[in-house]
Every structure is written in C-alpha cells, then in structure tokens.
PDB file of N, CA and C in Angstrom:
ATOM      1  N   MET A   1      84.072  48.269  34.485  1.00  0.00           N
ATOM      2  CA  MET A   1      84.421  49.063  35.639  1.00  0.00           C
ATOM      3  C   MET A   1      83.532  48.628  36.801  1.00  0.00           C
ATOM      4  N   ASN A   2      84.126  48.165  37.877  1.00  0.00           N
ATOM      5  CA  ASN A   2      83.358  47.649  39.006  1.00  0.00           C
ATOM      6  C   ASN A   2      83.030  48.700  40.047  1.00  0.00           C
ATOM      7  N   SER A   3      83.822  49.752  40.130  1.00  0.00           N
ATOM      8  CA  SER A   3      83.648  50.723  41.192  1.00  0.00           C
ATOM      9  C   SER A   3      83.686  52.131  40.616  1.00  0.00           C
ATOM     10  N   PHE A   4      82.861  52.999  41.158  1.00  0.00           N
ATOM     11  CA  PHE A   4      82.834  54.386  40.731  1.00  0.00           C
ATOM     12  C   PHE A   4      83.190  55.260  41.914  1.00  0.00           C
ATOM     13  N   SER A   5      83.677  56.446  41.650  1.00  0.00           N
ATOM     14  CA  SER A   5      83.996  57.397  42.705  1.00  0.00           C
ATOM     15  C   SER A   5      83.643  58.791  42.206  1.00  0.00           C
ATOM     16  N   TRP A   6      82.946  59.564  43.021  1.00  0.00           N
ATOM     17  CA  TRP A   6      82.561  60.914  42.642  1.00  0.00           C
ATOM     18  C   TRP A   6      82.936  61.856  43.753  1.00  0.00           C
ATOM     19  N   GLU A   7      83.338  63.051  43.381  1.00  0.00           N
ATOM     20  CA  GLU A   7      83.514  64.107  44.365  1.00  0.00           C
ATOM     21  C   GLU A   7      82.282  64.996  44.266  1.00  0.00           C
ATOM     22  N   ILE A   8      81.644  65.231  45.410  1.00  0.00           N
ATOM     23  CA  ILE A   8      80.381  65.960  45.411  1.00  0.00           C
ATOM     24  C   ILE A   8      80.505  67.184  46.318  1.00  0.00           C
ATOM     25  N   PRO A   9      80.482  68.406  45.762  1.00  0.00           N
ATOM     26  CA  PRO A   9      80.560  69.589  46.619  1.00  0.00           C
ATOM     27  C   PRO A   9      79.204  69.898  47.253  1.00  0.00           C
ATOM     28  N   LEU A  10      79.118  69.785  48.549  1.00  0.00           N
ATOM     29  CA  LEU A  10      77.898  70.087  49.289  1.00  0.00           C
ATOM     30  C   LEU A  10      78.272  70.769  50.598  1.00  0.00           C
ATOM     31  N   ALA A  11      77.365  71.530  51.158  1.00  0.00           N
ATOM     32  CA  ALA A  11      77.613  72.183  52.439  1.00  0.00           C
ATOM     33  C   ALA A  11      77.057  71.323  53.570  1.00  0.00           C
ATOM     34  N   CYS A  12      77.843  71.183  54.639  1.00  0.00           N
ATOM     35  CA  CYS A  12      77.390  70.448  55.823  1.00  0.00           C
ATOM     36  C   CYS A  12      76.281  71.259  56.493  1.00  0.00           C
ATOM     37  N   PRO A  13      75.150  70.657  56.844  1.00  0.00           N
ATOM     38  CA  PRO A  13      74.075  71.407  57.495  1.00  0.00           C
ATOM     39  C   PRO A  13      74.408  71.796  58.938  1.00  0.00           C
ATOM     40  N   HIS A  14      75.464  71.207  59.517  1.00  0.00           N
ATOM     41  CA  HIS A  14      75.838  71.509  60.900  1.00  0.00           C
ATOM     42  C   HIS A  14      76.823  72.671  60.969  1.00  0.00           C
ATOM     43  N   CYS A  15      77.974  72.536  60.278  1.00  0.00           N
ATOM     44  CA  CYS A  15      79.014  73.566  60.357  1.00  0.00           C
ATOM     45  C   CYS A  15      79.097  74.403  59.082  1.00  0.00           C
ATOM     46  N   HIS A  16      78.310  74.060  58.059  1.00  0.00           N
ATOM     47  CA  HIS A  16      78.258  74.754  56.769  1.00  0.00           C
ATOM     48  C   HIS A  16      79.596  74.760  56.047  1.00  0.00           C
ATOM     49  N   SER A  17      80.411  73.766  56.329  1.00  0.00           N
ATOM     50  CA  SER A  17      81.697  73.615  55.663  1.00  0.00           C
ATOM     51  C   SER A  17      81.470  73.230  54.206  1.00  0.00           C
ATOM     52  N   GLN A  18      82.160  73.916  53.286  1.00  0.00           N
ATOM     53  CA  GLN A  18      82.053  73.606  51.857  1.00  0.00           C
ATOM     54  C   GLN A  18      83.257  72.756  51.468  1.00  0.00           C
ATOM     55  N   GLU A  19      83.229  71.492  51.767  1.00  0.00           N
ATOM     56  CA  GLU A  19      84.339  70.608  51.439  1.00  0.00           C
ATOM     57  C   GLU A  19      83.861  69.506  50.525  1.00  0.00           C
ATOM     58  N   LEU A  20      84.799  68.940  49.778  1.00  0.00           N
ATOM     59  CA  LEU A  20      84.459  67.831  48.891  1.00  0.00           C
ATOM     60  C   LEU A  20      84.356  66.555  49.705  1.00  0.00           C
ATOM     61  N   ARG A  21      83.289  65.831  49.480  1.00  0.00           N
ATOM     62  CA  ARG A  21      83.106  64.544  50.133  1.00  0.00           C
ATOM     63  C   ARG A  21      83.099  63.492  49.056  1.00  0.00           C
ATOM     64  N   GLU A  22      83.597  62.340  49.348  1.00  0.00           N
ATOM     65  CA  GLU A  22      83.657  61.291  48.338  1.00  0.00           C
ATOM     66  C   GLU A  22      82.658  60.191  48.646  1.00  0.00           C
ATOM     67  N   VAL A  23      81.813  59.896  47.682  1.00  0.00           N
ATOM     68  CA  VAL A  23      80.892  58.768  47.759  1.00  0.00           C
ATOM     69  C   VAL A  23      81.486  57.718  46.842  1.00  0.00           C
ATOM     70  N   SER A  24      81.817  56.559  47.374  1.00  0.00           N
ATOM     71  CA  SER A  24      82.454  55.564  46.512  1.00  0.00           C
ATOM     72  C   SER A  24      81.919  54.183  46.815  1.00  0.00           C
ATOM     73  N   GLY A  25      82.182  53.282  45.903  1.00  0.00           N
ATOM     74  CA  GLY A  25      81.766  51.900  46.074  1.00  0.00           C
ATOM     75  C   GLY A  25      81.076  51.396  44.828  1.00  0.00           C
ATOM     76  N   PRO A  26      80.880  50.095  44.734  1.00  0.00           N
ATOM     77  CA  PRO A  26      80.230  49.545  43.557  1.00  0.00           C
ATOM     78  C   PRO A  26      78.769  49.966  43.442  1.00  0.00           C
ATOM     79  N   ASN A  27      78.134  50.269  44.558  1.00  0.00           N
ATOM     80  CA  ASN A  27      76.737  50.691  44.544  1.00  0.00           C
ATOM     81  C   ASN A  27      76.598  51.953  45.392  1.00  0.00           C
ATOM     82  N   PRO A  28      76.429  53.145  44.770  1.00  0.00           N
ATOM     83  CA  PRO A  28      76.336  54.371  45.552  1.00  0.00           C
ATOM     84  C   PRO A  28      75.094  54.450  46.429  1.00  0.00           C
ATOM     85  N   ARG A  29      74.116  53.576  46.232  1.00  0.00           N
ATOM     86  CA  ARG A  29      72.931  53.574  47.092  1.00  0.00           C
ATOM     87  C   ARG A  29      73.097  52.648  48.302  1.00  0.00           C
ATOM     88  N   SER A  30      74.312  52.169  48.519  1.00  0.00           N
ATOM     89  CA  SER A  30      74.553  51.281  49.658  1.00  0.00           C
ATOM     90  C   SER A  30      74.410  52.059  50.965  1.00  0.00           C
ATOM     91  N   LYS A  31      74.494  51.381  52.062  1.00  0.00           N
ATOM     92  CA  LYS A  31      74.318  52.000  53.375  1.00  0.00           C
ATOM     93  C   LYS A  31      75.607  52.649  53.888  1.00  0.00           C
ATOM     94  N   GLU A  32      76.535  52.924  52.994  1.00  0.00           N
ATOM     95  CA  GLU A  32      77.796  53.559  53.355  1.00  0.00           C
ATOM     96  C   GLU A  32      77.529  54.919  54.011  1.00  0.00           C
ATOM     97  N   ARG A  33      78.303  55.257  55.015  1.00  0.00           N
ATOM     98  CA  ARG A  33      78.102  56.505  55.738  1.00  0.00           C
ATOM     99  C   ARG A  33      78.980  57.598  55.137  1.00  0.00           C
ATOM    100  N   ILE A  34      78.494  58.830  55.184  1.00  0.00           N
ATOM    101  CA  ILE A  34      79.246  59.987  54.720  1.00  0.00           C
ATOM    102  C   ILE A  34      79.450  60.885  55.927  1.00  0.00           C
ATOM    103  N   ALA A  35      80.688  61.300  56.172  1.00  0.00           N
ATOM    104  CA  ALA A  35      80.976  62.167  57.313  1.00  0.00           C
ATOM    105  C   ALA A  35      81.525  63.500  56.825  1.00  0.00           C
ATOM    106  N   CYS A  36      81.223  64.570  57.562  1.00  0.00           N
ATOM    107  CA  CYS A  36      81.728  65.902  57.243  1.00  0.00           C
ATOM    108  C   CYS A  36      83.212  65.957  57.575  1.00  0.00           C
ATOM    109  N   ASN A  37      84.001  66.523  56.677  1.00  0.00           N
ATOM    110  CA  ASN A  37      85.429  66.669  56.947  1.00  0.00           C
ATOM    111  C   ASN A  37      85.701  67.796  57.932  1.00  0.00           C
ATOM    112  N   GLY A  38      84.763  68.753  58.058  1.00  0.00           N
ATOM    113  CA  GLY A  38      84.947  69.882  58.962  1.00  0.00           C
ATOM    114  C   GLY A  38      84.632  69.543  60.409  1.00  0.00           C
ATOM    115  N   CYS A  39      83.391  69.095  60.687  1.00  0.00           N
ATOM    116  CA  CYS A  39      82.980  68.828  62.068  1.00  0.00           C
ATOM    117  C   CYS A  39      82.981  67.342  62.404  1.00  0.00           C
ATOM    118  N   GLY A  40      83.102  66.482  61.397  1.00  0.00           N
ATOM    119  CA  GLY A  40      83.163  65.045  61.642  1.00  0.00           C
ATOM    120  C   GLY A  40      81.822  64.373  61.873  1.00  0.00           C
ATOM    121  N   ARG A  41      80.724  65.129  61.784  1.00  0.00           N
ATOM    122  CA  ARG A  41      79.404  64.535  62.027  1.00  0.00           C
ATOM    123  C   ARG A  41      78.980  63.651  60.867  1.00  0.00           C
ATOM    124  N   ASP A  42      78.173  62.675  61.188  1.00  0.00           N
ATOM    125  CA  ASP A  42      77.656  61.741  60.191  1.00  0.00           C
ATOM    126  C   ASP A  42      76.600  62.447  59.354  1.00  0.00           C
ATOM    127  N   LEU A  43      76.788  62.444  58.036  1.00  0.00           N
ATOM    128  CA  LEU A  43      75.832  63.087  57.143  1.00  0.00           C
ATOM    129  C   LEU A  43      74.974  62.076  56.400  1.00  0.00           C
ATOM    130  N   GLY A  44      75.389  60.829  56.387  1.00  0.00           N
ATOM    131  CA  GLY A  44      74.642  59.801  55.669  1.00  0.00           C
ATOM    132  C   GLY A  44      73.281  59.529  56.265  1.00  0.00           C
ATOM    133  N   SER A  45      73.096  59.891  57.534  1.00  0.00           N
ATOM    134  CA  SER A  45      71.819  59.634  58.181  1.00  0.00           C
ATOM    135  C   SER A  45      70.796  60.727  57.874  1.00  0.00           C
ATOM    136  N   LEU A  46      71.235  61.818  57.252  1.00  0.00           N
ATOM    137  CA  LEU A  46      70.318  62.900  56.927  1.00  0.00           C
ATOM    138  C   LEU A  46      69.711  62.641  55.549  1.00  0.00           C
ATOM    139  N   PRO A  47      68.408  62.339  55.469  1.00  0.00           N
ATOM    140  CA  PRO A  47      67.796  61.964  54.194  1.00  0.00           C
ATOM    141  C   PRO A  47      67.980  63.003  53.088  1.00  0.00           C
ATOM    142  N   ALA A  48      67.799  64.278  53.380  1.00  0.00           N
ATOM    143  CA  ALA A  48      67.914  65.304  52.341  1.00  0.00           C
ATOM    144  C   ALA A  48      69.344  65.388  51.818  1.00  0.00           C
ATOM    145  N   PHE A  49      70.314  65.325  52.730  1.00  0.00           N
ATOM    146  CA  PHE A  49      71.717  65.379  52.315  1.00  0.00           C
ATOM    147  C   PHE A  49      72.040  64.179  51.444  1.00  0.00           C
ATOM    148  N   ARG A  50      71.584  63.031  51.895  1.00  0.00           N
ATOM    149  CA  ARG A  50      71.858  61.790  51.166  1.00  0.00           C
ATOM    150  C   ARG A  50      71.231  61.851  49.758  1.00  0.00           C
ATOM    151  N   LYS A  51      70.006  62.359  49.663  1.00  0.00           N
ATOM    152  CA  LYS A  51      69.340  62.451  48.363  1.00  0.00           C
ATOM    153  C   LYS A  51      70.083  63.413  47.439  1.00  0.00           C
ATOM    154  N   ARG A  52      70.491  64.577  47.946  1.00  0.00           N
ATOM    155  CA  ARG A  52      71.235  65.528  47.109  1.00  0.00           C
ATOM    156  C   ARG A  52      72.552  64.935  46.646  1.00  0.00           C
ATOM    157  N   ALA A  53      73.229  64.220  47.546  1.00  0.00           N
ATOM    158  CA  ALA A  53      74.512  63.605  47.197  1.00  0.00           C
ATOM    159  C   ALA A  53      74.324  62.566  46.095  1.00  0.00           C
ATOM    160  N   LEU A  54      73.310  61.737  46.222  1.00  0.00           N
ATOM    161  CA  LEU A  54      73.054  60.711  45.206  1.00  0.00           C
ATOM    162  C   LEU A  54      72.616  61.335  43.885  1.00  0.00           C
ATOM    163  N   ASP A  55      71.768  62.366  43.950  1.00  0.00           N
ATOM    164  CA  ASP A  55      71.338  63.035  42.722  1.00  0.00           C
ATOM    165  C   ASP A  55      72.531  63.639  41.988  1.00  0.00           C
ATOM    166  N   ALA A  56      73.428  64.286  42.730  1.00  0.00           N
ATOM    167  CA  ALA A  56      74.617  64.882  42.118  1.00  0.00           C
ATOM    168  C   ALA A  56      75.518  63.805  41.535  1.00  0.00           C
ATOM    169  N   ALA A  57      75.669  62.702  42.255  1.00  0.00           N
ATOM    170  CA  ALA A  57      76.527  61.612  41.779  1.00  0.00           C
ATOM    171  C   ALA A  57      75.966  60.996  40.502  1.00  0.00           C
ATOM    172  N   PHE A  58      74.674  60.740  40.469  1.00  0.00           N
ATOM    173  CA  PHE A  58      74.077  60.133  39.283  1.00  0.00           C
ATOM    174  C   PHE A  58      74.087  61.095  38.097  1.00  0.00           C
ATOM    175  N   ALA A  59      73.918  62.389  38.351  1.00  0.00           N
ATOM    176  CA  ALA A  59      73.996  63.372  37.266  1.00  0.00           C
ATOM    177  C   ALA A  59      75.402  63.389  36.673  1.00  0.00           C
ATOM    178  N   GLU A  60      76.421  63.316  37.534  1.00  0.00           N
ATOM    179  CA  GLU A  60      77.805  63.288  37.057  1.00  0.00           C
ATOM    180  C   GLU A  60      78.075  62.031  36.242  1.00  0.00           C
ATOM    181  N   VAL A  61      77.588  60.898  36.707  1.00  0.00           N
ATOM    182  CA  VAL A  61      77.792  59.642  35.972  1.00  0.00           C
ATOM    183  C   VAL A  61      77.083  59.703  34.622  1.00  0.00           C
ATOM    184  N   ALA A  62      75.876  60.243  34.593  1.00  0.00           N
ATOM    185  CA  ALA A  62      75.146  60.355  33.327  1.00  0.00           C
ATOM    186  C   ALA A  62      75.919  61.217  32.334  1.00  0.00           C
ATOM    187  N   THR A  63      76.521  62.301  32.815  1.00  0.00           N
ATOM    188  CA  THR A  63      77.328  63.161  31.950  1.00  0.00           C
ATOM    189  C   THR A  63      78.544  62.414  31.427  1.00  0.00           C
ATOM    190  N   GLN A  64      79.211  61.657  32.296  1.00  0.00           N
ATOM    191  CA  GLN A  64      80.386  60.895  31.881  1.00  0.00           C
ATOM    192  C   GLN A  64      80.012  59.831  30.848  1.00  0.00           C
ATOM    193  N   VAL A  65      78.873  59.189  31.039  1.00  0.00           N
ATOM    194  CA  VAL A  65      78.432  58.157  30.092  1.00  0.00           C
ATOM    195  C   VAL A  65      78.118  58.789  28.736  1.00  0.00           C
ATOM    196  N   LYS A  66      77.435  59.933  28.734  1.00  0.00           N
ATOM    197  CA  LYS A  66      77.118  60.618  27.474  1.00  0.00           C
ATOM    198  C   LYS A  66      78.394  60.984  26.727  1.00  0.00           C
ATOM    199  N   ARG A  67      79.398  61.487  27.460  1.00  0.00           N
ATOM    200  CA  ARG A  67      80.672  61.843  26.823  1.00  0.00           C
ATOM    201  C   ARG A  67      81.356  60.613  26.242  1.00  0.00           C
ATOM    202  N   ALA A  68      81.345  59.522  26.990  1.00  0.00           N
ATOM    203  CA  ALA A  68      81.992  58.291  26.520  1.00  0.00           C
ATOM    204  C   ALA A  68      81.301  57.750  25.271  1.00  0.00           C
ATOM    205  N   VAL A  69      79.976  57.795  25.250  1.00  0.00           N
ATOM    206  CA  VAL A  69      79.227  57.315  24.081  1.00  0.00           C
ATOM    207  C   VAL A  69      79.508  58.204  22.872  1.00  0.00           C
ATOM    208  N   ALA A  70      79.533  59.513  23.076  1.00  0.00           N
ATOM    209  CA  ALA A  70      79.817  60.434  21.970  1.00  0.00           C
ATOM    210  C   ALA A  70      81.225  60.208  21.426  1.00  0.00           C
ATOM    211  N   GLU A  71      82.183  59.992  22.315  1.00  0.00           N
ATOM    212  CA  GLU A  71      83.561  59.737  21.886  1.00  0.00           C
ATOM    213  C   GLU A  71      83.659  58.421  21.113  1.00  0.00           C
ATOM    214  N   ALA A  72      82.977  57.397  21.579  1.00  0.00           N
ATOM    215  CA  ALA A  72      82.986  56.105  20.878  1.00  0.00           C
ATOM    216  C   ALA A  72      82.348  56.240  19.493  1.00  0.00           C
ATOM    217  N   ALA A  73      81.275  57.008  19.393  1.00  0.00           N
ATOM    218  CA  ALA A  73      80.618  57.222  18.096  1.00  0.00           C
ATOM    219  C   ALA A  73      81.549  57.963  17.139  1.00  0.00           C
ATOM    220  N   ARG A  74      82.270  58.971  17.645  1.00  0.00           N
ATOM    221  CA  ARG A  74      83.239  59.686  16.802  1.00  0.00           C
ATOM    222  C   ARG A  74      84.331  58.750  16.310  1.00  0.00           C
ATOM    223  N   ASP A  75      84.825  57.903  17.206  1.00  0.00           N
ATOM    224  CA  ASP A  75      85.870  56.946  16.819  1.00  0.00           C
ATOM    225  C   ASP A  75      85.373  55.991  15.734  1.00  0.00           C
ATOM    226  N   LEU A  76      84.142  55.519  15.865  1.00  0.00           N
ATOM    227  CA  LEU A  76      83.577  54.616  14.854  1.00  0.00           C
ATOM    228  C   LEU A  76      83.427  55.312  13.503  1.00  0.00           C
ATOM    229  N   ARG A  77      82.984  56.580  13.534  1.00  0.00           N
ATOM    230  CA  ARG A  77      82.857  57.329  12.276  1.00  0.00           C
ATOM    231  C   ARG A  77      84.221  57.528  11.618  1.00  0.00           C
ATOM    232  N   ARG A  78      85.242  57.823  12.419  1.00  0.00           N
ATOM    233  CA  ARG A  78      86.597  58.000  11.874  1.00  0.00           C
ATOM    234  C   ARG A  78      87.104  56.707  11.245  1.00  0.00           C
ATOM    235  N   LYS A  79      86.869  55.598  11.919  1.00  0.00           N
ATOM    236  CA  LYS A  79      87.305  54.303  11.379  1.00  0.00           C
ATOM    237  C   LYS A  79      86.567  53.977  10.086  1.00  0.00           C
ATOM    238  N   ALA A  80      85.277  54.318  10.021  1.00  0.00           N
ATOM    239  CA  ALA A  80      84.485  54.052   8.817  1.00  0.00           C
ATOM    240  C   ALA A  80      84.982  54.898   7.643  1.00  0.00           C
ATOM    241  N   ARG A  81      85.420  56.117   7.893  1.00  0.00           N
ATOM    242  CA  ARG A  81      85.932  56.989   6.834  1.00  0.00           C
ATOM    243  C   ARG A  81      87.254  56.483   6.272  1.00  0.00           C
ATOM    244  N   ARG A  82      88.046  55.870   7.123  1.00  0.00           N
ATOM    245  CA  ARG A  82      89.361  55.377   6.700  1.00  0.00           C
ATOM    246  C   ARG A  82      89.256  54.185   5.762  1.00  0.00           C
ATOM    247  N   ARG A  83      88.167  53.472   5.809  1.00  0.00           N
ATOM    248  CA  ARG A  83      87.999  52.260   4.983  1.00  0.00           C
ATOM    249  C   ARG A  83      87.759  52.580   3.574  1.00  0.00           C
TER     250      ARG A  83
END
C-alpha cells in the first residue's frame, strides 16, 4: 500500500467547526496543508493542530495494523488446524 488516508475529527481553533478533515499522501508528515472546511483558513501552519492531527492519524494506523496482524494470525491458525 503506497498511500494512506485518515479522517480526523478535530475542531478548528478559528471557527470551532467540528468537521472531518482528511490528511492523505504517502507520507503524513509531509508539508501538505490542511484547511478548515468551515472558514477555509489554513490549519497546517498551526503546530498544535498539526501535532494533534498527526498523533490521531498515527494512532488510527497503529490500530489498523494491530487488527490486520491479529486477523492474519487467526487465518494462519485456521490453516494449520485444517492440515
């Protein structure tokens, strides 16, 4: 998988809009800008917002990876039982 996409619920510090913003790309730590869907202001330049967005994205990816590994382990155990 070359590209990841996460939906991250965060509040805009300007208009306090609670909308989903998408951080996407092969490297989520890239210099890609994030804009508020409510007021349109650039949020990527705000260090705290950017850090929370990245922390949430990496936590979601870690959860997805754990689920995928657990599912693969279950599949291997099932295949081993069938033999």
